[in-house]
Amino acid sequence: MEKVLNQQEIDAMVLAARSGGAAELQAATQPVVEHWDVRRAGQIGREQLQTITALHEGFARSLTHSLGAYLRTSFTAALVSAEHLSYREFLQRVPETTYLASCKLEPVGVNCALQLDLKVALPIIDLLLGGKGNAIAATRDITEIEEQILESVARIVCRELGTAWQALSLQVSFEERLQAAEAQRLMPPEEKTLSLNFEITMPEVRGGLYLAVPAAVSNALLRKISIGWSHRRPQGQSDARMRLMRRMLDCRFSVELGATDMRTAVAELAALAPGKLLLFPRSAAEPASLLIAGVEMFHAVPARCARARAARVLQPMADAGNSGNLPAQPNSTPAGPPQPAVSPENSRP
C-alpha cells in the first residue's frame, strides 16, 4: 500500500528542501553544554605543562643513559604525556597483570605509584639473567625471583626521579611491590595525582612506564621551578596583586575587644548569682586585647563614638615586648584626640 502524505507533511518536506539543510547546520553550530566535574578542577595549564614537560624530558634522558648502561643494550625513555587524574582513574588504566610498586617521598612522607608494562619488564629480566632481551608474551605474572631482579631497575628509576626533583630536596626511595588490593590503599581514590606517561623502547619491544605523583608534591615542585622555567608572563598580570588588595578592602572581619588569659575557679563560677560581682585577677586600668578574626592584633582601651561602642588602639601586639609596660592611662599614649568617656550603660564590671 502506498503511503499518502497529508498537507502538513508535504509542507515540512518542501521547507526542508528550500532551507538546504540550514536547520541541521544551525543545530551543529549551537554551543554544546557538558556537565562540569568538580574533581577535574585545577588541571595543568599550558604554561605549567611546558614546565612539567621540560623537567621530565630531562628525567627521561637521564633514565635512558642510566638504564642503557645498566642493561648494556639500546634503551630509550621518552615522555609521552603529563596530566592530572584522580588516583581512581589512574588505577582504572592499570592492566590486570603488570608490575606495580610504591615509592616513598621523604621528608613529606607520601607515596607515589610506579607501573611498568610486563612486555617491557620481562625482556629486562631476561637481559639481566644473561639472555638477549627478546620479546616475551606477557601472559603470566612475574615470580618472586624475577621480582627481586626487577627491583634493581625500579631503584634506578627512583634515584633518577629524585635527581630530577632536587629543587624540592626530596628523597625518592623504592618501598615495595604492590598487589592489586594493596594498590587500592596506597592513596585515597579521589586523590588528585600528576600522571606521567613514558614510552620505553628496546631493540625488540616497546611499552610504557607510568608514574602517579600526589598533586601536593607536583604543585610544590611547580612553585619551586616556575620562576626559572616558565616563559615570560603576558602584560597586564603585574597589577593583579593590587587588584586583589583593592577587593580585599571590602572584606569584613570579626573584631572583638576583650581580656584574654583570665582564669577563675569553678567554685566562684558556681556561686554566681544576679547582683554578685566576679573579680578578675587583672587591673581595670590595663588595656584590653583587640582580636581581629580571633587573632590578637592590638592593645586597645574601651571607648565610645556617639552612641556606638568603640576601641581606641594603643599599639600592635608585636611591639608590646619591646616597649616595656603599656601605659595605664590613655593620656600617656601618643598625641591624638582625647579618649571619650565610657557611658554607664556601656560599662561592665
C-alpha atoms as a PDB file:
ATOM      1  CA  MET A   1       0.000   0.000   0.000  1.00  0.00           C
ATOM      2  CA  GLU A   2       1.378   3.403  -0.992  1.00  0.00           C
ATOM      3  CA  LYS A   3       1.844   5.968   1.775  1.00  0.00           C
ATOM      4  CA  VAL A   4      -0.272   9.074   1.265  1.00  0.00           C
ATOM      5  CA  LEU A   5       1.168  12.299   2.745  1.00  0.00           C
ATOM      6  CA  ASN A   6      -1.070  14.929   4.213  1.00  0.00           C
ATOM      7  CA  GLN A   7      -0.635  18.648   3.536  1.00  0.00           C
ATOM      8  CA  GLN A   8       1.334  19.278   6.737  1.00  0.00           C
ATOM      9  CA  GLU A   9       3.920  16.614   5.897  1.00  0.00           C
ATOM     10  CA  ILE A  10       4.215  17.938   2.331  1.00  0.00           C
ATOM     11  CA  ASP A  11       4.826  21.491   3.619  1.00  0.00           C
ATOM     12  CA  ALA A  12       7.513  20.224   6.013  1.00  0.00           C
ATOM     13  CA  MET A  13       9.357  18.420   3.182  1.00  0.00           C
ATOM     14  CA  VAL A  14       9.245  21.487   0.928  1.00  0.00           C
ATOM     15  CA  LEU A  15      10.551  23.720   3.734  1.00  0.00           C
ATOM     16  CA  ALA A  16      13.435  21.346   4.433  1.00  0.00           C
ATOM     17  CA  ALA A  17      14.356  21.216   0.746  1.00  0.00           C
ATOM     18  CA  ARG A  18      14.314  25.025   0.392  1.00  0.00           C
ATOM     19  CA  SER A  19      16.422  25.552   3.538  1.00  0.00           C
ATOM     20  CA  GLY A  20      19.139  23.274   2.138  1.00  0.00           C
ATOM     21  CA  GLY A  21      19.815  21.687   5.498  1.00  0.00           C
ATOM     22  CA  ALA A  22      20.051  25.026   7.329  1.00  0.00           C
ATOM     23  CA  ALA A  23      18.317  23.549  10.356  1.00  0.00           C
ATOM     24  CA  GLU A  24      20.969  20.849  10.691  1.00  0.00           C
ATOM     25  CA  LEU A  25      23.722  23.462  10.268  1.00  0.00           C
ATOM     26  CA  GLN A  26      22.175  25.650  12.947  1.00  0.00           C
ATOM     27  CA  ALA A  27      21.957  22.687  15.329  1.00  0.00           C
ATOM     28  CA  ALA A  28      25.596  21.853  14.671  1.00  0.00           C
ATOM     29  CA  THR A  29      26.717  25.410  15.463  1.00  0.00           C
ATOM     30  CA  GLN A  30      24.845  25.603  18.771  1.00  0.00           C
ATOM     31  CA  PRO A  31      27.067  25.584  21.874  1.00  0.00           C
ATOM     32  CA  VAL A  32      27.483  22.171  23.448  1.00  0.00           C
ATOM     33  CA  VAL A  33      26.676  22.053  27.169  1.00  0.00           C
ATOM     34  CA  GLU A  34      28.548  19.458  29.191  1.00  0.00           C
ATOM     35  CA  HIS A  35      28.402  18.511  32.846  1.00  0.00           C
ATOM     36  CA  TRP A  36      31.242  20.022  34.886  1.00  0.00           C
ATOM     37  CA  ASP A  37      33.098  17.626  37.156  1.00  0.00           C
ATOM     38  CA  VAL A  38      34.428  19.456  40.223  1.00  0.00           C
ATOM     39  CA  ARG A  39      37.090  16.761  40.643  1.00  0.00           C
ATOM     40  CA  ARG A  40      38.724  17.982  37.431  1.00  0.00           C
ATOM     41  CA  ALA A  41      39.233  21.494  38.785  1.00  0.00           C
ATOM     42  CA  GLY A  42      42.818  22.737  38.872  1.00  0.00           C
ATOM     43  CA  GLN A  43      44.016  20.987  35.731  1.00  0.00           C
ATOM     44  CA  ILE A  44      47.513  21.708  34.469  1.00  0.00           C
ATOM     45  CA  GLY A  45      47.626  24.928  32.468  1.00  0.00           C
ATOM     46  CA  ARG A  46      49.569  25.424  29.261  1.00  0.00           C
ATOM     47  CA  GLU A  47      52.460  27.217  30.961  1.00  0.00           C
ATOM     48  CA  GLN A  48      52.617  24.667  33.778  1.00  0.00           C
ATOM     49  CA  LEU A  49      52.510  21.828  31.249  1.00  0.00           C
ATOM     50  CA  GLN A  50      55.529  23.293  29.465  1.00  0.00           C
ATOM     51  CA  THR A  51      57.391  23.402  32.784  1.00  0.00           C
ATOM     52  CA  ILE A  52      56.433  19.817  33.684  1.00  0.00           C
ATOM     53  CA  THR A  53      57.325  18.601  30.194  1.00  0.00           C
ATOM     54  CA  ALA A  54      60.747  20.255  30.176  1.00  0.00           C
ATOM     55  CA  LEU A  55      61.579  18.914  33.633  1.00  0.00           C
ATOM     56  CA  HIS A  56      60.598  15.308  32.954  1.00  0.00           C
ATOM     57  CA  GLU A  57      62.109  15.232  29.487  1.00  0.00           C
ATOM     58  CA  GLY A  58      65.379  15.734  31.326  1.00  0.00           C
ATOM     59  CA  PHE A  59      64.430  12.878  33.650  1.00  0.00           C
ATOM     60  CA  ALA A  60      63.722  10.662  30.606  1.00  0.00           C
ATOM     61  CA  ARG A  61      67.158  11.441  29.133  1.00  0.00           C
ATOM     62  CA  SER A  62      68.885  10.619  32.422  1.00  0.00           C
ATOM     63  CA  LEU A  63      66.902   7.393  32.704  1.00  0.00           C
ATOM     64  CA  THR A  64      67.897   6.492  29.130  1.00  0.00           C
ATOM     65  CA  HIS A  65      71.604   6.792  29.950  1.00  0.00           C
ATOM     66  CA  SER A  66      71.390   5.092  33.369  1.00  0.00           C
ATOM     67  CA  LEU A  67      69.313   2.063  32.374  1.00  0.00           C
ATOM     68  CA  GLY A  68      71.038   1.784  28.997  1.00  0.00           C
ATOM     69  CA  ALA A  69      74.382   1.448  30.764  1.00  0.00           C
ATOM     70  CA  TYR A  70      72.926  -0.891  33.413  1.00  0.00           C
ATOM     71  CA  LEU A  71      71.286  -3.208  30.874  1.00  0.00           C
ATOM     72  CA  ARG A  72      74.078  -2.856  28.298  1.00  0.00           C
ATOM     73  CA  THR A  73      71.651  -2.517  25.443  1.00  0.00           C
ATOM     74  CA  SER A  74      69.834   0.093  23.450  1.00  0.00           C
ATOM     75  CA  PHE A  75      67.303   1.675  25.810  1.00  0.00           C
ATOM     76  CA  THR A  76      65.237   4.828  25.286  1.00  0.00           C
ATOM     77  CA  ALA A  77      62.724   6.537  27.579  1.00  0.00           C
ATOM     78  CA  ALA A  78      60.585   9.390  26.247  1.00  0.00           C
ATOM     79  CA  LEU A  79      57.868  11.450  27.913  1.00  0.00           C
ATOM     80  CA  VAL A  80      54.507  10.952  26.186  1.00  0.00           C
ATOM     81  CA  SER A  81      52.033  12.858  28.350  1.00  0.00           C
ATOM     82  CA  ALA A  82      51.509  14.594  31.694  1.00  0.00           C
ATOM     83  CA  GLU A  83      48.007  15.102  33.059  1.00  0.00           C
ATOM     84  CA  HIS A  84      46.049  15.413  36.271  1.00  0.00           C
ATOM     85  CA  LEU A  85      43.992  12.330  37.134  1.00  0.00           C
ATOM     86  CA  SER A  86      42.337  11.066  40.261  1.00  0.00           C
ATOM     87  CA  TYR A  87      44.035   8.016  41.717  1.00  0.00           C
ATOM     88  CA  ARG A  88      40.918   6.010  40.860  1.00  0.00           C
ATOM     89  CA  GLU A  89      41.285   6.959  37.172  1.00  0.00           C
ATOM     90  CA  PHE A  90      44.963   6.017  37.272  1.00  0.00           C
ATOM     91  CA  LEU A  91      44.155   2.563  38.653  1.00  0.00           C
ATOM     92  CA  GLN A  92      41.467   2.038  36.005  1.00  0.00           C
ATOM     93  CA  ARG A  93      44.186   2.309  33.353  1.00  0.00           C
ATOM     94  CA  VAL A  94      46.452  -0.251  35.035  1.00  0.00           C
ATOM     95  CA  PRO A  95      46.304  -3.724  33.394  1.00  0.00           C
ATOM     96  CA  GLU A  96      45.344  -6.719  35.487  1.00  0.00           C
ATOM     97  CA  THR A  97      48.790  -8.285  35.051  1.00  0.00           C
ATOM     98  CA  THR A  98      51.573  -5.747  35.435  1.00  0.00           C
ATOM     99  CA  TYR A  99      54.430  -4.631  37.679  1.00  0.00           C
ATOM    100  CA  LEU A 100      53.201  -2.067  40.207  1.00  0.00           C
ATOM    101  CA  ALA A 101      55.302  -0.664  43.058  1.00  0.00           C
ATOM    102  CA  SER A 102      55.208   2.149  45.608  1.00  0.00           C
ATOM    103  CA  CYS A 103      57.920   4.754  46.104  1.00  0.00           C
ATOM    104  CA  LYS A 104      58.392   6.775  49.292  1.00  0.00           C
ATOM    105  CA  LEU A 105      58.843  10.548  49.075  1.00  0.00           C
ATOM    106  CA  GLU A 106      60.731  11.901  52.056  1.00  0.00           C
ATOM    107  CA  PRO A 107      60.620  14.107  54.081  1.00  0.00           C
ATOM    108  CA  VAL A 108      56.973  14.793  53.121  1.00  0.00           C
ATOM    109  CA  GLY A 109      56.049  11.194  53.947  1.00  0.00           C
ATOM    110  CA  VAL A 110      53.794  10.451  50.960  1.00  0.00           C
ATOM    111  CA  ASN A 111      53.867   7.727  48.322  1.00  0.00           C
ATOM    112  CA  CYS A 112      53.813   7.691  44.549  1.00  0.00           C
ATOM    113  CA  ALA A 113      52.928   4.735  42.344  1.00  0.00           C
ATOM    114  CA  LEU A 114      55.172   3.238  39.643  1.00  0.00           C
ATOM    115  CA  GLN A 115      53.798   0.919  36.959  1.00  0.00           C
ATOM    116  CA  LEU A 116      55.848  -0.889  34.291  1.00  0.00           C
ATOM    117  CA  ASP A 117      54.293  -2.917  31.498  1.00  0.00           C
ATOM    118  CA  LEU A 118      55.235  -6.612  31.623  1.00  0.00           C
ATOM    119  CA  LYS A 119      56.023  -6.621  27.916  1.00  0.00           C
ATOM    120  CA  VAL A 120      58.965  -4.403  28.889  1.00  0.00           C
ATOM    121  CA  ALA A 121      59.641  -5.861  32.345  1.00  0.00           C
ATOM    122  CA  LEU A 122      60.068  -9.484  31.149  1.00  0.00           C
ATOM    123  CA  PRO A 123      62.691  -8.667  28.457  1.00  0.00           C
ATOM    124  CA  ILE A 124      64.575  -6.561  31.030  1.00  0.00           C
ATOM    125  CA  ILE A 125      64.625  -9.553  33.394  1.00  0.00           C
ATOM    126  CA  ASP A 126      65.823 -11.740  30.516  1.00  0.00           C
ATOM    127  CA  LEU A 127      68.697  -9.331  29.846  1.00  0.00           C
ATOM    128  CA  LEU A 128      69.745  -9.251  33.497  1.00  0.00           C
ATOM    129  CA  LEU A 129      69.750 -13.070  33.567  1.00  0.00           C
ATOM    130  CA  GLY A 130      72.098 -13.223  30.575  1.00  0.00           C
ATOM    131  CA  GLY A 131      69.567 -13.504  27.778  1.00  0.00           C
ATOM    132  CA  LYS A 132      69.114 -11.376  24.665  1.00  0.00           C
ATOM    133  CA  GLY A 133      66.064  -9.467  25.839  1.00  0.00           C
ATOM    134  CA  ASN A 134      63.743 -10.859  23.208  1.00  0.00           C
ATOM    135  CA  ALA A 135      60.046 -10.038  23.222  1.00  0.00           C
ATOM    136  CA  ILE A 136      58.078 -12.312  25.576  1.00  0.00           C
ATOM    137  CA  ALA A 137      54.299 -12.651  25.619  1.00  0.00           C
ATOM    138  CA  ALA A 138      53.044 -11.104  28.876  1.00  0.00           C
ATOM    139  CA  THR A 139      50.658 -13.934  29.710  1.00  0.00           C
ATOM    140  CA  ARG A 140      51.845 -14.578  33.275  1.00  0.00           C
ATOM    141  CA  ASP A 141      52.792 -12.699  36.403  1.00  0.00           C
ATOM    142  CA  ILE A 142      56.431 -12.436  37.465  1.00  0.00           C
ATOM    143  CA  THR A 143      57.884 -14.786  40.081  1.00  0.00           C
ATOM    144  CA  GLU A 144      59.434 -13.769  43.402  1.00  0.00           C
ATOM    145  CA  ILE A 145      62.958 -14.135  41.998  1.00  0.00           C
ATOM    146  CA  GLU A 146      62.073 -12.039  38.961  1.00  0.00           C
ATOM    147  CA  GLU A 147      60.501  -9.503  41.295  1.00  0.00           C
ATOM    148  CA  GLN A 148      63.779  -9.104  43.194  1.00  0.00           C
ATOM    149  CA  ILE A 149      65.670  -8.721  39.908  1.00  0.00           C
ATOM    150  CA  LEU A 150      63.259  -6.057  38.681  1.00  0.00           C
ATOM    151  CA  GLU A 151      63.545  -4.194  41.968  1.00  0.00           C
ATOM    152  CA  SER A 152      67.043  -3.024  40.980  1.00  0.00           C
ATOM    153  CA  VAL A 153      65.561  -1.348  37.895  1.00  0.00           C
ATOM    154  CA  ALA A 154      62.851   0.316  39.996  1.00  0.00           C
ATOM    155  CA  ARG A 155      65.505   1.673  42.349  1.00  0.00           C
ATOM    156  CA  ILE A 156      67.331   3.285  39.409  1.00  0.00           C
ATOM    157  CA  VAL A 157      64.073   4.920  38.329  1.00  0.00           C
ATOM    158  CA  CYS A 158      63.570   6.285  41.854  1.00  0.00           C
ATOM    159  CA  ARG A 159      67.144   7.575  42.002  1.00  0.00           C
ATOM    160  CA  GLU A 160      66.842   9.452  38.706  1.00  0.00           C
ATOM    161  CA  LEU A 161      63.441  10.816  39.739  1.00  0.00           C
ATOM    162  CA  GLY A 162      64.915  12.180  42.964  1.00  0.00           C
ATOM    163  CA  THR A 163      67.674  13.842  40.936  1.00  0.00           C
ATOM    164  CA  ALA A 164      65.104  15.497  38.675  1.00  0.00           C
ATOM    165  CA  TRP A 165      63.189  16.761  41.724  1.00  0.00           C
ATOM    166  CA  GLN A 166      66.234  18.101  43.538  1.00  0.00           C
ATOM    167  CA  ALA A 167      64.583  21.549  43.679  1.00  0.00           C
ATOM    168  CA  LEU A 168      62.341  20.139  46.444  1.00  0.00           C
ATOM    169  CA  SER A 169      65.172  18.260  48.204  1.00  0.00           C
ATOM    170  CA  LEU A 170      63.042  15.120  48.010  1.00  0.00           C
ATOM    171  CA  GLN A 171      64.468  11.662  48.564  1.00  0.00           C
ATOM    172  CA  VAL A 172      62.675   9.144  46.353  1.00  0.00           C
ATOM    173  CA  SER A 173      63.226   5.578  47.507  1.00  0.00           C
ATOM    174  CA  PHE A 174      61.771   2.257  46.403  1.00  0.00           C
ATOM    175  CA  GLU A 175      59.406   0.828  49.028  1.00  0.00           C
ATOM    176  CA  GLU A 176      57.766  -2.405  47.858  1.00  0.00           C
ATOM    177  CA  ARG A 177      55.936  -4.126  45.043  1.00  0.00           C
ATOM    178  CA  LEU A 178      52.166  -3.789  45.280  1.00  0.00           C
ATOM    179  CA  GLN A 179      49.470  -6.325  44.623  1.00  0.00           C
ATOM    180  CA  ALA A 180      46.108  -5.186  43.281  1.00  0.00           C
ATOM    181  CA  ALA A 181      44.465  -4.947  46.720  1.00  0.00           C
ATOM    182  CA  GLU A 182      47.460  -3.092  48.203  1.00  0.00           C
ATOM    183  CA  ALA A 183      47.479  -0.594  45.339  1.00  0.00           C
ATOM    184  CA  GLN A 184      43.895   0.387  46.190  1.00  0.00           C
ATOM    185  CA  ARG A 185      45.039   1.507  49.645  1.00  0.00           C
ATOM    186  CA  LEU A 186      48.127   3.420  48.573  1.00  0.00           C
ATOM    187  CA  MET A 187      46.201   6.699  48.151  1.00  0.00           C
ATOM    188  CA  PRO A 188      42.582   7.821  48.577  1.00  0.00           C
ATOM    189  CA  PRO A 189      40.588   7.071  45.399  1.00  0.00           C
ATOM    190  CA  GLU A 190      39.739  10.737  44.806  1.00  0.00           C
ATOM    191  CA  GLU A 191      43.265  11.976  45.479  1.00  0.00           C
ATOM    192  CA  LYS A 192      44.362  14.171  42.596  1.00  0.00           C
ATOM    193  CA  THR A 193      47.625  12.965  41.070  1.00  0.00           C
ATOM    194  CA  LEU A 194      50.023  14.018  38.351  1.00  0.00           C
ATOM    195  CA  SER A 195      50.128  11.101  35.912  1.00  0.00           C
ATOM    196  CA  LEU A 196      53.362  10.850  33.881  1.00  0.00           C
ATOM    197  CA  ASN A 197      53.428   8.504  30.889  1.00  0.00           C
ATOM    198  CA  PHE A 198      56.809   7.436  29.455  1.00  0.00           C
ATOM    199  CA  GLU A 199      57.376   5.212  26.424  1.00  0.00           C
ATOM    200  CA  ILE A 200      60.158   2.647  26.820  1.00  0.00           C
ATOM    201  CA  THR A 201      61.831   1.449  23.623  1.00  0.00           C
ATOM    202  CA  MET A 202      64.230  -1.509  23.452  1.00  0.00           C
ATOM    203  CA  PRO A 203      65.586  -3.402  20.405  1.00  0.00           C
ATOM    204  CA  GLU A 204      62.573  -5.703  20.072  1.00  0.00           C
ATOM    205  CA  VAL A 205      59.958  -4.362  22.493  1.00  0.00           C
ATOM    206  CA  ARG A 206      58.102  -1.178  23.282  1.00  0.00           C
ATOM    207  CA  GLY A 207      55.958  -0.455  26.339  1.00  0.00           C
ATOM    208  CA  GLY A 208      55.009   2.051  28.980  1.00  0.00           C
ATOM    209  CA  LEU A 209      56.339   3.325  32.298  1.00  0.00           C
ATOM    210  CA  TYR A 210      53.772   5.245  34.354  1.00  0.00           C
ATOM    211  CA  LEU A 211      54.087   7.341  37.497  1.00  0.00           C
ATOM    212  CA  ALA A 212      51.291   8.690  39.705  1.00  0.00           C
ATOM    213  CA  VAL A 213      52.551  11.528  41.898  1.00  0.00           C
ATOM    214  CA  PRO A 214      50.324  13.213  44.535  1.00  0.00           C
ATOM    215  CA  ALA A 215      49.238  16.658  43.375  1.00  0.00           C
ATOM    216  CA  ALA A 216      50.581  18.220  46.588  1.00  0.00           C
ATOM    217  CA  VAL A 217      54.108  17.228  45.542  1.00  0.00           C
ATOM    218  CA  SER A 218      53.695  18.244  41.895  1.00  0.00           C
ATOM    219  CA  ASN A 219      52.220  21.629  42.851  1.00  0.00           C
ATOM    220  CA  ALA A 220      55.080  22.301  45.266  1.00  0.00           C
ATOM    221  CA  LEU A 221      57.519  21.329  42.523  1.00  0.00           C
ATOM    222  CA  LEU A 222      55.851  23.726  40.084  1.00  0.00           C
ATOM    223  CA  ARG A 223      56.051  26.588  42.565  1.00  0.00           C
ATOM    224  CA  LYS A 224      59.759  25.944  43.099  1.00  0.00           C
ATOM    225  CA  ILE A 225      60.796  25.830  39.456  1.00  0.00           C
ATOM    226  CA  SER A 226      58.213  28.113  37.816  1.00  0.00           C
ATOM    227  CA  ILE A 227      60.410  31.221  38.149  1.00  0.00           C
ATOM    228  CA  GLY A 228      63.330  29.690  36.310  1.00  0.00           C
ATOM    229  CA  TRP A 229      61.427  27.571  33.778  1.00  0.00           C
ATOM    230  CA  SER A 230      58.271  29.469  32.913  1.00  0.00           C
ATOM    231  CA  HIS A 231      58.070  31.735  29.888  1.00  0.00           C
ATOM    232  CA  ARG A 232      57.543  35.470  30.123  1.00  0.00           C
ATOM    233  CA  ARG A 233      54.126  36.253  31.506  1.00  0.00           C
ATOM    234  CA  PRO A 234      51.746  38.333  29.416  1.00  0.00           C
ATOM    235  CA  GLN A 235      51.476  42.010  30.222  1.00  0.00           C
ATOM    236  CA  GLY A 236      48.599  43.021  32.426  1.00  0.00           C
ATOM    237  CA  GLN A 237      49.201  40.457  35.179  1.00  0.00           C
ATOM    238  CA  SER A 238      51.606  42.636  37.148  1.00  0.00           C
ATOM    239  CA  ASP A 239      48.771  44.631  38.694  1.00  0.00           C
ATOM    240  CA  ALA A 240      46.849  41.516  39.751  1.00  0.00           C
ATOM    241  CA  ARG A 241      48.169  41.874  43.289  1.00  0.00           C
ATOM    242  CA  MET A 242      46.951  45.470  43.514  1.00  0.00           C
ATOM    243  CA  ARG A 243      43.510  44.485  42.199  1.00  0.00           C
ATOM    244  CA  LEU A 244      43.319  41.745  44.795  1.00  0.00           C
ATOM    245  CA  MET A 245      44.300  44.182  47.551  1.00  0.00           C
ATOM    246  CA  ARG A 246      41.612  46.638  46.472  1.00  0.00           C
ATOM    247  CA  ARG A 247      38.999  43.902  46.573  1.00  0.00           C
ATOM    248  CA  MET A 248      40.201  42.814  49.996  1.00  0.00           C
ATOM    249  CA  LEU A 249      39.404  46.301  51.332  1.00  0.00           C
ATOM    250  CA  ASP A 250      35.689  45.468  51.054  1.00  0.00           C
ATOM    251  CA  CYS A 251      36.017  42.209  53.013  1.00  0.00           C
ATOM    252  CA  ARG A 252      34.655  42.108  56.545  1.00  0.00           C
ATOM    253  CA  PHE A 253      36.325  40.509  59.562  1.00  0.00           C
ATOM    254  CA  SER A 254      35.004  39.939  63.038  1.00  0.00           C
ATOM    255  CA  VAL A 255      36.523  42.370  65.586  1.00  0.00           C
ATOM    256  CA  GLU A 256      36.265  41.896  69.355  1.00  0.00           C
ATOM    257  CA  LEU A 257      37.647  43.841  72.307  1.00  0.00           C
ATOM    258  CA  GLY A 258      38.221  41.722  75.379  1.00  0.00           C
ATOM    259  CA  ALA A 259      40.602  40.445  78.017  1.00  0.00           C
ATOM    260  CA  THR A 260      42.325  37.152  77.305  1.00  0.00           C
ATOM    261  CA  ASP A 261      44.138  34.636  79.501  1.00  0.00           C
ATOM    262  CA  MET A 262      41.996  35.251  82.593  1.00  0.00           C
ATOM    263  CA  ARG A 263      41.058  32.281  84.750  1.00  0.00           C
ATOM    264  CA  THR A 264      38.757  31.809  87.718  1.00  0.00           C
ATOM    265  CA  ALA A 265      37.858  28.889  89.925  1.00  0.00           C
ATOM    266  CA  VAL A 266      34.875  26.679  89.182  1.00  0.00           C
ATOM    267  CA  ALA A 267      33.608  27.328  92.720  1.00  0.00           C
ATOM    268  CA  GLU A 268      33.372  31.059  92.002  1.00  0.00           C
ATOM    269  CA  LEU A 269      31.518  30.371  88.754  1.00  0.00           C
ATOM    270  CA  ALA A 270      29.106  28.031  90.541  1.00  0.00           C
ATOM    271  CA  ALA A 271      28.378  30.698  93.173  1.00  0.00           C
ATOM    272  CA  LEU A 272      27.425  33.366  90.636  1.00  0.00           C
ATOM    273  CA  ALA A 273      24.035  34.971  91.138  1.00  0.00           C
ATOM    274  CA  PRO A 274      22.323  38.179  89.952  1.00  0.00           C
ATOM    275  CA  GLY A 275      23.898  41.187  91.653  1.00  0.00           C
ATOM    276  CA  LYS A 276      27.107  39.407  92.618  1.00  0.00           C
ATOM    277  CA  LEU A 277      30.465  40.599  91.315  1.00  0.00           C
ATOM    278  CA  LEU A 278      33.054  38.270  89.786  1.00  0.00           C
ATOM    279  CA  LEU A 279      36.514  39.589  90.465  1.00  0.00           C
ATOM    280  CA  PHE A 280      39.220  39.048  87.836  1.00  0.00           C
ATOM    281  CA  PRO A 281      42.962  38.910  88.605  1.00  0.00           C
ATOM    282  CA  ARG A 282      43.591  41.895  86.354  1.00  0.00           C
ATOM    283  CA  SER A 283      43.512  45.641  86.838  1.00  0.00           C
ATOM    284  CA  ALA A 284      40.725  47.576  85.108  1.00  0.00           C
ATOM    285  CA  ALA A 285      43.343  50.183  84.105  1.00  0.00           C
ATOM    286  CA  GLU A 286      45.220  47.691  81.931  1.00  0.00           C
ATOM    287  CA  PRO A 287      44.401  47.817  78.209  1.00  0.00           C
ATOM    288  CA  ALA A 288      42.386  45.033  76.629  1.00  0.00           C
ATOM    289  CA  SER A 289      43.184  42.969  73.542  1.00  0.00           C
ATOM    290  CA  LEU A 290      41.711  43.779  70.149  1.00  0.00           C
ATOM    291  CA  LEU A 291      41.072  40.495  68.350  1.00  0.00           C
ATOM    292  CA  ILE A 292      40.644  40.525  64.568  1.00  0.00           C
ATOM    293  CA  ALA A 293      39.218  37.267  63.202  1.00  0.00           C
ATOM    294  CA  GLY A 294      40.117  35.650  66.532  1.00  0.00           C
ATOM    295  CA  VAL A 295      43.773  36.780  66.446  1.00  0.00           C
ATOM    296  CA  GLU A 296      45.171  39.270  68.971  1.00  0.00           C
ATOM    297  CA  MET A 297      46.466  42.167  66.875  1.00  0.00           C
ATOM    298  CA  PHE A 298      46.469  45.325  69.069  1.00  0.00           C
ATOM    299  CA  HIS A 299      46.292  46.618  72.619  1.00  0.00           C
ATOM    300  CA  ALA A 300      43.283  48.904  72.985  1.00  0.00           C
ATOM    301  CA  VAL A 301      41.004  50.535  75.573  1.00  0.00           C
ATOM    302  CA  PRO A 302      37.189  50.773  75.534  1.00  0.00           C
ATOM    303  CA  ALA A 303      35.774  53.986  74.128  1.00  0.00           C
ATOM    304  CA  ARG A 304      32.567  55.415  72.714  1.00  0.00           C
ATOM    305  CA  CYS A 305      31.832  57.279  69.471  1.00  0.00           C
ATOM    306  CA  ALA A 306      28.415  58.991  69.724  1.00  0.00           C
ATOM    307  CA  ARG A 307      26.058  56.132  70.686  1.00  0.00           C
ATOM    308  CA  ALA A 308      28.319  53.394  69.268  1.00  0.00           C
ATOM    309  CA  ARG A 309      30.855  51.381  71.188  1.00  0.00           C
ATOM    310  CA  ALA A 310      34.451  51.817  70.068  1.00  0.00           C
ATOM    311  CA  ALA A 311      38.014  50.819  70.877  1.00  0.00           C
ATOM    312  CA  ARG A 312      40.989  53.155  70.945  1.00  0.00           C
ATOM    313  CA  VAL A 313      44.057  51.387  69.563  1.00  0.00           C
ATOM    314  CA  LEU A 314      47.232  51.883  71.594  1.00  0.00           C
ATOM    315  CA  GLN A 315      49.875  49.765  69.856  1.00  0.00           C
ATOM    316  CA  PRO A 316      50.332  46.473  67.956  1.00  0.00           C
ATOM    317  CA  MET A 317      50.780  43.303  69.968  1.00  0.00           C
ATOM    318  CA  ALA A 318      54.174  42.703  68.314  1.00  0.00           C
ATOM    319  CA  ASP A 319      55.524  45.938  69.826  1.00  0.00           C
ATOM    320  CA  ALA A 320      54.378  45.138  73.361  1.00  0.00           C
ATOM    321  CA  GLY A 321      57.520  43.192  74.297  1.00  0.00           C
ATOM    322  CA  ASN A 322      59.862  45.933  73.034  1.00  0.00           C
ATOM    323  CA  SER A 323      58.157  48.930  74.630  1.00  0.00           C
ATOM    324  CA  GLY A 324      58.109  47.910  78.280  1.00  0.00           C
ATOM    325  CA  ASN A 325      54.945  48.283  80.283  1.00  0.00           C
ATOM    326  CA  LEU A 326      51.943  49.632  78.457  1.00  0.00           C
ATOM    327  CA  PRO A 327      50.513  52.945  79.617  1.00  0.00           C
ATOM    328  CA  ALA A 328      47.786  52.560  82.158  1.00  0.00           C
ATOM    329  CA  GLN A 329      46.050  55.799  81.172  1.00  0.00           C
ATOM    330  CA  PRO A 330      45.127  56.973  77.687  1.00  0.00           C
ATOM    331  CA  ASN A 331      46.788  60.342  78.393  1.00  0.00           C
ATOM    332  CA  SER A 332      50.213  58.692  78.154  1.00  0.00           C
ATOM    333  CA  THR A 333      49.595  57.451  74.605  1.00  0.00           C
ATOM    334  CA  PRO A 334      50.955  59.283  71.535  1.00  0.00           C
ATOM    335  CA  ALA A 335      49.309  62.533  70.608  1.00  0.00           C
ATOM    336  CA  GLY A 336      45.787  62.189  69.298  1.00  0.00           C
ATOM    337  CA  PRO A 337      42.197  63.053  70.031  1.00  0.00           C
ATOM    338  CA  PRO A 338      41.147  62.777  73.685  1.00  0.00           C
ATOM    339  CA  GLN A 339      39.565  59.487  74.708  1.00  0.00           C
ATOM    340  CA  PRO A 340      35.780  59.680  75.035  1.00  0.00           C
ATOM    341  CA  ALA A 341      34.312  58.795  78.387  1.00  0.00           C
ATOM    342  CA  VAL A 342      32.613  55.440  78.744  1.00  0.00           C
ATOM    343  CA  SER A 343      28.891  55.752  79.450  1.00  0.00           C
ATOM    344  CA  PRO A 344      27.393  53.817  82.368  1.00  0.00           C
ATOM    345  CA  GLU A 345      25.193  51.752  80.084  1.00  0.00           C
ATOM    346  CA  ASN A 346      28.241  50.501  78.175  1.00  0.00           C
ATOM    347  CA  SER A 347      30.453  49.793  81.174  1.00  0.00           C
ATOM    348  CA  ARG A 348      30.833  46.330  82.620  1.00  0.00           C
ATOM    349  CA  PRO A 349      32.394  45.092  85.873  1.00  0.00           C
END
